[in-house]
Protein backbone atom coordinates (compact mmCIF):
# COMPACT_ATOMS: atom_id res chain seq x y z
CA MET A 1 32.35 201.35 208.07
CA ALA A 2 28.73 200.32 208.49
CA ASP A 3 27.76 196.67 208.08
CA LYS A 4 26.34 195.93 204.64
CA VAL A 5 24.15 193.37 202.88
CA LEU A 6 23.38 192.76 199.21
CA THR A 7 19.78 193.17 198.13
CA ALA A 8 17.97 192.99 194.81
CA ASN A 9 14.64 192.11 193.27
CA ARG A 10 14.19 188.62 191.89
CA LEU A 11 13.69 188.83 188.14
CA SER A 12 11.03 186.10 188.01
CA ASP A 13 8.53 187.84 190.31
CA GLY A 14 9.98 191.16 191.58
CA ILE A 15 10.13 190.05 195.22
CA SER A 16 12.85 191.69 197.35
CA VAL A 17 15.67 189.27 198.09
CA TRP A 18 18.94 189.26 200.02
CA LEU A 19 22.11 187.28 199.38
CA ASP A 20 22.94 184.72 202.07
CA ALA A 21 26.33 183.27 203.05
CA ALA A 22 25.83 180.28 200.73
CA GLY A 23 25.37 182.59 197.73
CA ASN A 24 21.62 182.03 197.47
CA TRP A 25 19.01 184.76 197.10
CA ASN A 26 16.36 184.51 199.82
CA GLU A 27 13.33 186.52 200.90
CA HIS A 28 14.43 187.13 204.50
CA LEU A 29 16.79 189.94 205.47
CA GLN A 30 17.67 188.11 208.69
CA ASP A 31 19.30 185.33 206.62
CA ALA A 32 21.51 187.75 204.65
CA PHE A 33 25.29 187.57 204.68
CA VAL A 34 26.63 190.64 206.50
CA ALA A 35 29.80 192.22 205.10
CA ARG A 36 31.84 193.81 207.86
CA HIS A 37 34.98 194.86 205.94
CA LYS A 38 35.94 196.28 202.53
CA GLU A 39 36.96 192.96 200.98
CA ALA A 40 33.61 191.40 201.84
CA VAL A 41 31.75 194.42 200.41
CA ASP A 42 33.80 194.16 197.21
CA ALA A 43 32.86 190.47 196.96
CA LEU A 44 29.17 191.33 197.43
CA GLU A 45 29.33 193.93 194.68
CA ALA A 46 30.98 191.45 192.29
CA THR A 47 28.41 188.78 193.12
CA GLY A 48 25.58 191.24 192.53
CA LYS A 49 26.95 192.31 189.15
CA GLN A 50 27.25 188.67 188.09
CA ALA A 51 23.71 187.81 189.25
CA PHE A 52 22.41 190.81 187.29
CA ALA A 53 24.37 189.75 184.20
CA ASP A 54 22.95 186.22 184.57
CA ASN A 55 19.38 187.66 184.65
CA LYS A 56 18.67 186.32 188.14
CA VAL A 57 17.99 189.69 189.81
CA VAL A 58 17.55 193.39 189.05
CA ASP A 59 18.04 196.60 191.07
CA VAL A 60 21.09 195.16 192.87
CA ASN A 61 22.35 197.29 195.78
CA VAL A 62 24.72 197.00 198.70
CA VAL A 63 22.89 198.61 201.63
CA ASP A 64 23.84 199.66 205.14
CA VAL A 65 22.37 197.72 208.03
CA GLU A 66 22.71 197.75 211.78
CA GLU A 67 22.41 194.78 214.09
CA VAL A 68 20.49 195.43 217.29
CA ASP A 69 20.01 192.56 219.72
CA GLY A 70 20.81 190.09 216.93
CA VAL A 71 18.27 191.55 214.49
CA LEU A 72 19.33 193.19 211.22
CA ARG A 73 17.69 196.50 210.38
CA PRO A 74 18.37 198.58 207.26
CA LEU A 75 19.41 202.16 207.96
CA ARG A 76 17.45 203.68 205.05
CA MET A 77 13.65 203.81 205.14
CA ARG A 78 13.42 202.53 201.54
CA GLU A 79 15.23 199.36 202.52
CA ARG A 80 13.15 198.94 205.69
CA ILE A 81 10.00 199.02 203.55
CA ARG A 82 11.50 196.49 201.14
CA ALA A 83 12.37 194.21 204.07
CA GLU A 84 9.30 194.67 206.26
CA GLY A 85 6.51 195.79 203.96
CA PRO A 86 4.47 199.02 203.99
CA SER A 87 5.05 201.53 206.79
CA ILE A 88 1.32 202.19 207.20
CA ALA A 89 -1.72 199.98 207.55
CA TYR A 90 -2.06 198.66 204.02
CA ALA A 91 -4.99 196.29 203.93
CA ALA A 92 -6.84 194.14 206.41
CA GLY A 93 -4.87 190.95 207.05
CA TYR A 94 -1.72 192.16 205.24
CA SER A 95 1.58 191.96 207.09
CA GLY A 96 4.65 192.61 204.97
CA LEU A 97 5.37 190.12 202.23
CA THR A 98 3.16 187.41 203.73
CA ALA A 99 -0.60 187.83 204.16
CA THR A 100 -1.75 186.81 207.63
CA ALA A 101 -5.33 186.07 206.65
CA ALA A 102 -7.11 185.02 203.50
CA PRO A 103 -9.10 187.79 201.79
CA ALA A 104 -12.83 187.74 202.43
CA ALA A 105 -14.81 186.04 199.68
């Protein structure tokens, strides 16, 4: 079985988030809790359903990841884009979810 993490979009602003080991939704895939066996995956699914029911997140999914040299990487391209930002040059100064430079005035 592939390692898995729980991802969703935060209801308040639509930002991609991942569930961490403390049960908090955060914006960084590298902080996500990694499920490595069926029981842990089942717990992630239950937690995701409850967070959706509580109107905390939408589009809840358990997704496959791989860990390479201590870095988590989603297996599907869709999830890589959600975690890392656009796969092509998007706009000057834009790097994933955090802009690296202020827009020109």
